[in-house]
Amino acid sequence: MIALKQRLLVVDDEPKLRKLLKTYLSQEGYDVEAVENGSTMDRYLATHDVDLVILDLMLPGEDGLSIGRRLRHDKKLPIIILSARAEEVDRIVGLEMGADDYLIKPFNPRELLARIRSVLRRCKEDKSPSSSSDDLNLLFGPFCLDVPRHRLTREHKEIPLTTGEFTLLRIFLEHPNRVLNRDRLLELTKGYDHSPQDRSIDVCVGRLRRKIEEDPAEPVFLRTIWGAGYMFSHED
């Protein structure tokens, strides 16, 4: 049986970059389409399934943040943001929106390829049934993380998670009552070299706290260990 290629959708208003990414990523074995704005993207997604979206922030018409929020809410697609905005606040806003990764222009296409592979691998691992029945449901407090179904529930009510949030929460649940620093968490979640200024873990922890803590300012489960990292306090 011939394996189907994973399909990537590039949304960027720079014609040269669209052509470059379509050529390069196609040569790396992906089925790639590249469009220039949100409306063209919507028409494509109406008739095609996509595994991952590579999204520019600065687009004509509807901006990338608005498009990303729609994709997360309606399609639940993995997203890698591309942006010429290098400021820390822009990276944090992009990650807060629910993007799986953020890459600053100009960039090396090989770095983008590494991030694409990492995000798609995490998605595949997160959706693969565990070989051990003990790993099917990870319980804490009133919550249940259903690993095969990629679902977090509280008293049978689903709490939506992005791919990054699911991956990080699963890692914390599999390493209870242990301090994990940012470098270790980045290694476990992303699997590629990262910048010392990478704030994605902190942003994702903040999003998780808003979903699982009664008071995110006074976390019970996901605690900060100052100067060391984070620790998930498992509550039976």
Protein backbone atom coordinates (compact mmCIF):
# COMPACT_ATOMS: atom_id res chain seq x y z
CA MET A 1 0.00 0.00 0.00
CA ILE A 2 1.34 3.42 -0.95
CA ALA A 3 1.44 5.83 1.99
CA LEU A 4 -0.34 9.11 1.39
CA LYS A 5 1.79 12.21 1.60
CA GLN A 6 1.09 14.59 4.45
CA ARG A 7 -0.46 17.79 3.14
CA LEU A 8 0.84 21.22 4.15
CA LEU A 9 -0.85 24.55 3.46
CA VAL A 10 1.30 27.69 3.29
CA VAL A 11 -0.56 30.99 3.78
CA ASP A 12 1.74 33.90 2.91
CA ASP A 13 1.40 36.99 0.73
CA GLU A 14 5.02 36.90 -0.54
CA PRO A 15 5.02 35.16 -3.97
CA LYS A 16 8.75 34.32 -3.85
CA LEU A 17 8.46 32.74 -0.42
CA ARG A 18 5.38 30.75 -1.42
CA LYS A 19 7.22 29.39 -4.45
CA LEU A 20 10.35 28.62 -2.42
CA LEU A 21 8.47 26.77 0.32
CA LYS A 22 6.26 24.87 -2.11
CA THR A 23 9.30 23.68 -4.09
CA TYR A 24 11.48 22.87 -1.08
CA LEU A 25 8.84 21.12 1.02
CA SER A 26 7.55 19.17 -1.99
CA GLN A 27 11.09 17.88 -2.54
CA GLU A 28 11.08 16.74 1.09
CA GLY A 29 8.09 14.49 0.42
CA TYR A 30 5.09 16.63 1.36
CA ASP A 31 2.01 17.52 -0.65
CA VAL A 32 2.15 21.33 -0.53
CA GLU A 33 -0.30 24.06 -1.51
CA ALA A 34 0.48 27.77 -1.09
CA VAL A 35 -2.08 30.57 -1.01
CA GLU A 36 -1.86 34.32 -0.46
CA ASN A 37 -4.60 35.18 2.05
CA GLY A 38 -7.35 33.96 4.35
CA SER A 39 -10.17 33.91 1.81
CA THR A 40 -8.15 31.76 -0.61
CA MET A 41 -7.23 29.51 2.30
CA ASP A 42 -10.89 29.09 3.22
CA ARG A 43 -11.80 28.04 -0.32
CA TYR A 44 -8.98 25.48 -0.33
CA LEU A 45 -9.87 24.04 3.07
CA ALA A 46 -13.50 23.67 1.99
CA THR A 47 -12.46 20.90 -0.41
CA HIS A 48 -9.15 19.57 1.01
CA ASP A 49 -7.95 18.01 4.23
CA VAL A 50 -4.71 19.47 5.60
CA ASP A 51 -2.27 18.10 8.18
CA LEU A 52 -0.57 21.40 9.09
CA VAL A 53 -0.82 25.11 8.25
CA ILE A 54 2.22 27.39 7.89
CA LEU A 55 0.76 30.84 8.53
CA ASP A 56 2.20 34.33 8.04
CA LEU A 57 1.03 36.92 10.58
CA MET A 58 1.16 39.99 8.37
CA LEU A 59 -1.41 39.32 5.66
CA PRO A 60 -3.60 41.65 3.61
CA GLY A 61 -7.21 41.66 4.73
CA GLU A 62 -7.72 39.31 7.67
CA ASP A 63 -4.48 39.10 9.66
CA GLY A 64 -2.75 35.89 10.65
CA LEU A 65 -3.77 36.00 14.31
CA SER A 66 -7.45 36.18 13.39
CA ILE A 67 -7.04 33.38 10.85
CA GLY A 68 -5.16 31.27 13.38
CA ARG A 69 -7.89 31.63 15.98
CA ARG A 70 -10.47 30.52 13.41
CA LEU A 71 -8.39 27.51 12.40
CA ARG A 72 -7.95 26.49 16.02
CA HIS A 73 -11.64 26.85 16.81
CA ASP A 74 -13.14 25.40 13.63
CA LYS A 75 -10.53 22.99 12.28
CA LYS A 76 -8.24 22.26 15.25
CA LEU A 77 -5.29 22.19 12.84
CA PRO A 78 -1.63 22.34 13.89
CA ILE A 79 -0.18 25.76 13.06
CA ILE A 80 3.36 27.07 12.62
CA ILE A 81 3.50 30.86 12.49
CA LEU A 82 5.93 32.74 10.23
CA SER A 83 6.50 36.40 10.97
CA ALA A 84 8.90 39.27 10.40
CA ARG A 85 7.91 40.50 13.85
CA ALA A 86 10.79 39.54 16.12
CA GLU A 87 9.53 41.25 19.27
CA GLU A 88 8.95 39.00 22.27
CA VAL A 89 5.37 40.20 22.68
CA ASP A 90 4.49 39.12 19.13
CA ARG A 91 5.86 35.62 19.71
CA ILE A 92 3.91 35.32 22.94
CA VAL A 93 0.69 36.56 21.32
CA GLY A 94 1.12 34.02 18.51
CA LEU A 95 1.66 31.19 20.97
CA GLU A 96 -1.21 32.36 23.16
CA MET A 97 -3.44 32.12 20.09
CA GLY A 98 -2.66 28.40 20.11
CA ALA A 99 0.08 28.08 17.49
CA ASP A 100 2.31 25.03 17.86
CA ASP A 101 5.45 26.94 16.91
CA TYR A 102 6.70 30.36 15.83
CA LEU A 103 9.51 31.09 13.36
CA ILE A 104 10.94 34.54 12.66
CA LYS A 105 11.69 35.71 9.11
CA PRO A 106 14.17 35.43 7.52
CA PHE A 107 14.75 31.77 8.35
CA ASN A 108 16.58 28.75 7.00
CA PRO A 109 14.12 26.39 5.24
CA ARG A 110 15.82 23.47 6.98
CA GLU A 111 14.85 24.94 10.34
CA LEU A 112 11.24 25.17 9.21
CA LEU A 113 11.43 21.56 8.00
CA ALA A 114 12.69 20.43 11.42
CA ARG A 115 9.79 22.20 13.12
CA ILE A 116 7.24 20.78 10.69
CA ARG A 117 8.51 17.26 11.33
CA SER A 118 8.46 17.83 15.09
CA VAL A 119 4.87 19.15 15.16
CA LEU A 120 3.58 16.40 12.86
CA ARG A 121 5.40 13.75 14.89
CA ARG A 122 3.83 15.03 18.10
CA CYS A 123 0.41 15.00 16.49
CA LYS A 124 0.91 11.41 15.36
CA GLU A 125 2.20 10.27 18.75
CA ASP A 126 -0.60 12.05 20.58
CA LYS A 127 -3.24 10.33 18.45
CA SER A 128 -1.66 6.85 18.50
CA PRO A 129 -3.22 4.35 20.94
CA SER A 130 -0.90 3.41 23.78
CA SER A 131 0.35 -0.16 23.95
CA SER A 132 -0.33 -0.24 27.69
CA SER A 133 -3.86 -0.16 29.07
CA ASP A 134 -2.53 1.75 32.09
CA ASP A 135 -1.72 4.68 29.81
CA LEU A 136 -5.15 5.01 28.21
CA ASN A 137 -6.50 7.40 30.82
CA LEU A 138 -4.35 9.70 32.96
CA LEU A 139 -6.32 10.95 35.96
CA PHE A 140 -5.73 13.93 38.22
CA GLY A 141 -8.21 15.61 40.51
CA PRO A 142 -11.56 15.82 38.66
CA PHE A 143 -9.82 15.58 35.27
CA CYS A 144 -9.19 12.71 32.86
CA LEU A 145 -6.73 12.88 29.97
CA ASP A 146 -7.87 10.31 27.41
CA VAL A 147 -4.64 9.71 25.49
CA PRO A 148 -5.90 7.72 22.47
CA ARG A 149 -8.75 10.16 21.86
CA HIS A 150 -6.62 13.25 22.54
CA ARG A 151 -9.27 14.56 24.97
CA LEU A 152 -9.23 16.25 28.35
CA THR A 153 -12.46 16.02 30.28
CA ARG A 154 -13.76 17.24 33.63
CA GLU A 155 -16.79 15.32 34.86
CA HIS A 156 -17.41 14.13 31.29
CA LYS A 157 -17.29 17.68 29.86
CA GLU A 158 -14.56 18.14 27.26
CA ILE A 159 -11.96 20.89 27.66
CA PRO A 160 -10.40 21.70 24.25
CA LEU A 161 -6.61 21.42 24.04
CA THR A 162 -4.17 22.40 21.33
CA THR A 163 -1.58 19.84 20.24
CA GLY A 164 1.08 21.64 22.27
CA GLU A 165 -1.10 21.79 25.38
CA PHE A 166 -1.98 18.11 25.12
CA THR A 167 1.66 17.10 24.68
CA LEU A 168 2.87 19.21 27.60
CA LEU A 169 0.09 18.06 29.93
CA ARG A 170 0.78 14.44 29.08
CA ILE A 171 4.49 14.93 29.86
CA PHE A 172 3.67 16.48 33.22
CA LEU A 173 1.27 13.64 34.07
CA GLU A 174 3.90 11.06 33.13
CA HIS A 175 6.47 12.80 35.36
CA PRO A 176 4.47 13.65 38.51
CA ASN A 177 6.10 15.38 41.48
CA ARG A 178 9.33 15.95 39.56
CA VAL A 179 10.85 19.32 38.74
CA LEU A 180 11.31 19.73 34.97
CA ASN A 181 13.24 22.74 33.73
CA ARG A 182 12.43 24.58 30.49
CA ASP A 183 15.27 22.98 28.52
CA ARG A 184 14.09 19.49 29.44
CA LEU A 185 10.49 20.33 28.61
CA LEU A 186 11.49 21.81 25.25
CA GLU A 187 13.51 18.69 24.51
CA LEU A 188 10.57 16.44 25.38
CA THR A 189 7.94 18.47 23.53
CA LYS A 190 9.81 19.70 20.45
CA GLY A 191 12.87 17.53 19.95
CA TYR A 192 15.03 20.09 18.12
CA ASP A 193 17.55 22.80 19.02
CA HIS A 194 15.88 25.84 20.50
CA SER A 195 16.76 29.41 21.31
CA PRO A 196 17.58 30.34 24.92
CA GLN A 197 14.86 32.99 24.51
CA ASP A 198 12.19 30.40 23.63
CA ARG A 199 9.17 31.24 25.80
CA SER A 200 6.78 28.68 24.35
CA ILE A 201 6.82 26.48 27.47
CA ASP A 202 5.92 29.40 29.75
CA VAL A 203 3.09 30.45 27.43
CA CYS A 204 1.74 26.89 27.20
CA VAL A 205 1.91 26.46 31.00
CA GLY A 206 -0.11 29.66 31.35
CA ARG A 207 -2.76 28.38 28.95
CA LEU A 208 -2.95 25.02 30.75
CA ARG A 209 -3.36 26.71 34.13
CA ARG A 210 -6.34 28.65 32.84
CA LYS A 211 -7.94 25.35 31.84
CA ILE A 212 -7.18 23.11 34.82
CA GLU A 213 -6.68 25.36 37.85
CA GLU A 214 -9.47 26.84 39.94
CA ASP A 215 -7.26 29.91 40.42
CA PRO A 216 -4.47 30.15 37.80
CA ALA A 217 -2.67 32.71 40.01
CA GLU A 218 -2.51 30.12 42.83
CA PRO A 219 -1.96 26.82 40.97
CA VAL A 220 -2.50 23.54 42.78
CA PHE A 221 -1.46 21.12 40.03
CA LEU A 222 1.02 22.99 37.84
CA ARG A 223 3.41 24.71 40.19
CA THR A 224 6.37 26.99 39.46
CA ILE A 225 9.55 26.04 41.28
CA TRP A 226 11.41 29.33 41.21
CA GLY A 227 14.87 29.08 39.67
CA ALA A 228 14.34 25.43 38.72
CA GLY A 229 11.32 24.97 36.45
CA TYR A 230 7.86 23.49 36.83
CA MET A 231 6.44 20.57 38.81
CA PHE A 232 3.12 18.81 38.38
CA SER A 233 1.72 17.92 41.78
CA HIS A 234 -0.35 14.80 41.17
CA GLU A 235 -3.53 14.66 43.22
CA ASP A 236 -5.20 11.26 43.57
